Amino acid sequence: WGADGRSLFVRGARTQAASMELFLESGRRLLERNHLSPSDIDWFLPAQTHVQAVEAVSDGLGIPREKLIWHGDVTGYSASASIACTLAEQLHARVIEKGDLVLSLAVGAGMNSGGALYYC
């Protein structure tokens, strides 16, 4: 944070590496806490950052890319709101169906991270 208490300094590669670790740690903890493995997940829906990042998280968690939902080329990056927008769209399009288990993860400002499991 900057001296004014409102500015945020982003340090490129260091920030990207820290974000990646937070994504992976959140995903692993959520799966472990719920006694799940990556094969139990029907869909992986991370915050819609750039495609290389979400593919790396998917790979790092052992979730096949065919289970990855990336729609950032349509939604753009709108932080964690991109999860709700993409989830609603995929439900409406019937890509995600009743009974599917969706893992969702996000990393935000201040290096906070979180995740959720949605049983649709």
Protein backbone atom coordinates (compact mmCIF):
# COMPACT_ATOMS: atom_id res chain seq x y z
CA TRP A 1 0.00 0.00 0.00
CA GLY A 2 1.15 3.54 -0.73
CA ALA A 3 1.77 6.24 1.83
CA ASP A 4 -1.70 7.69 1.21
CA GLY A 5 -3.29 4.43 2.36
CA ARG A 6 -5.28 4.12 -0.87
CA SER A 7 -2.67 3.39 -3.52
CA LEU A 8 -1.65 -0.16 -4.29
CA PHE A 9 1.74 -0.95 -5.79
CA VAL A 10 1.73 -4.07 -7.96
CA ARG A 11 5.07 -5.74 -8.48
CA GLY A 12 4.44 -7.81 -11.60
CA ALA A 13 6.07 -11.23 -11.38
CA ARG A 14 6.16 -11.28 -7.56
CA THR A 15 2.46 -10.49 -7.40
CA GLN A 16 1.66 -13.10 -10.03
CA ALA A 17 3.63 -15.77 -8.15
CA ALA A 18 1.95 -14.88 -4.85
CA SER A 19 -1.49 -14.93 -6.48
CA MET A 20 -0.80 -18.34 -7.98
CA GLU A 21 0.20 -19.75 -4.59
CA LEU A 22 -2.93 -18.32 -2.98
CA PHE A 23 -5.15 -19.80 -5.72
CA LEU A 24 -3.54 -23.21 -5.30
CA GLU A 25 -3.57 -23.13 -1.49
CA SER A 26 -7.24 -22.12 -1.39
CA GLY A 27 -8.21 -24.83 -3.85
CA ARG A 28 -6.26 -27.55 -2.09
CA ARG A 29 -7.63 -26.59 1.33
CA LEU A 30 -11.20 -26.49 0.09
CA LEU A 31 -10.91 -29.90 -1.55
CA GLU A 32 -9.17 -31.41 1.47
CA ARG A 33 -11.61 -29.93 3.97
CA ASN A 34 -14.51 -31.47 2.06
CA HIS A 35 -12.78 -34.82 1.47
CA LEU A 36 -12.78 -34.31 -2.30
CA SER A 37 -10.24 -34.95 -5.01
CA PRO A 38 -9.90 -33.07 -8.30
CA SER A 39 -11.71 -35.93 -10.03
CA ASP A 40 -14.82 -35.18 -7.93
CA ILE A 41 -15.11 -31.71 -9.47
CA ASP A 42 -17.36 -31.39 -12.52
CA TRP A 43 -16.40 -27.78 -13.31
CA PHE A 44 -13.66 -25.41 -12.23
CA LEU A 45 -14.73 -21.76 -12.32
CA PRO A 46 -11.99 -19.38 -11.15
CA ALA A 47 -12.09 -15.59 -11.21
CA GLN A 48 -11.81 -14.72 -14.89
CA THR A 49 -8.26 -13.38 -15.04
CA HIS A 50 -6.05 -14.04 -18.05
CA VAL A 51 -6.29 -17.49 -19.57
CA GLN A 52 -2.67 -18.48 -18.88
CA ALA A 53 -3.20 -17.93 -15.15
CA VAL A 54 -6.41 -19.95 -14.90
CA GLU A 55 -4.93 -22.76 -16.97
CA ALA A 56 -1.90 -22.86 -14.66
CA VAL A 57 -4.17 -23.05 -11.59
CA SER A 58 -6.23 -25.80 -13.20
CA ASP A 59 -3.06 -27.74 -13.99
CA GLY A 60 -1.64 -27.10 -10.51
CA LEU A 61 -4.76 -28.50 -8.86
CA GLY A 62 -4.85 -31.51 -11.17
CA ILE A 63 -8.17 -30.51 -12.72
CA PRO A 64 -8.34 -31.37 -16.43
CA ARG A 65 -8.64 -28.32 -18.65
CA GLU A 66 -11.83 -29.65 -20.21
CA LYS A 67 -13.43 -28.98 -16.80
CA LEU A 68 -12.13 -25.38 -16.73
CA ILE A 69 -14.64 -22.66 -17.43
CA TRP A 70 -12.91 -19.58 -18.76
CA HIS A 71 -15.12 -16.91 -20.23
CA GLY A 72 -12.86 -13.93 -19.58
CA ASP A 73 -12.76 -13.13 -23.27
CA VAL A 74 -16.48 -12.27 -22.94
CA THR A 75 -16.82 -11.02 -19.35
CA GLY A 76 -13.45 -9.34 -19.09
CA TYR A 77 -11.79 -9.16 -15.73
CA SER A 78 -14.27 -7.80 -13.24
CA ALA A 79 -12.66 -9.35 -10.16
CA SER A 80 -14.74 -11.86 -8.24
CA ALA A 81 -17.93 -10.56 -9.90
CA SER A 82 -16.75 -12.43 -12.98
CA ILE A 83 -17.48 -15.68 -11.12
CA ALA A 84 -21.16 -14.89 -10.55
CA CYS A 85 -21.60 -13.57 -14.10
CA THR A 86 -19.96 -16.61 -15.66
CA LEU A 87 -21.78 -19.06 -13.37
CA ALA A 88 -25.15 -17.53 -14.24
CA GLU A 89 -24.36 -17.62 -17.95
CA GLN A 90 -23.20 -21.25 -17.85
CA LEU A 91 -26.30 -22.30 -15.91
CA HIS A 92 -28.53 -20.47 -18.36
CA ALA A 93 -26.74 -22.13 -21.31
CA ARG A 94 -27.14 -25.49 -19.53
CA VAL A 95 -23.40 -26.15 -19.60
CA ILE A 96 -23.53 -26.56 -15.83
CA GLU A 97 -26.41 -28.85 -14.99
CA LYS A 98 -28.32 -30.01 -11.93
CA GLY A 99 -26.12 -32.25 -9.81
CA ASP A 100 -22.82 -30.76 -11.01
CA LEU A 101 -20.18 -29.81 -8.46
CA VAL A 102 -18.41 -26.53 -9.25
CA LEU A 103 -15.20 -25.34 -7.58
CA SER A 104 -14.75 -21.58 -7.65
CA LEU A 105 -11.64 -19.65 -6.54
CA ALA A 106 -10.61 -16.00 -6.43
CA VAL A 107 -7.67 -13.89 -5.30
CA GLY A 108 -8.20 -10.20 -4.70
CA ALA A 109 -6.64 -6.96 -3.58
CA GLY A 110 -4.55 -7.22 -0.48
CA MET A 111 -3.74 -10.80 -1.47
CA ASN A 112 -6.94 -12.17 0.02
CA SER A 113 -8.18 -15.44 -1.37
CA GLY A 114 -11.29 -17.52 -1.11
CA GLY A 115 -13.23 -20.26 -2.72
CA ALA A 116 -16.57 -21.98 -2.78
CA LEU A 117 -18.07 -25.27 -3.82
CA TYR A 118 -21.42 -25.06 -5.56
CA TYR A 119 -23.60 -28.12 -5.79
CA CYS A 120 -25.98 -27.14 -8.55
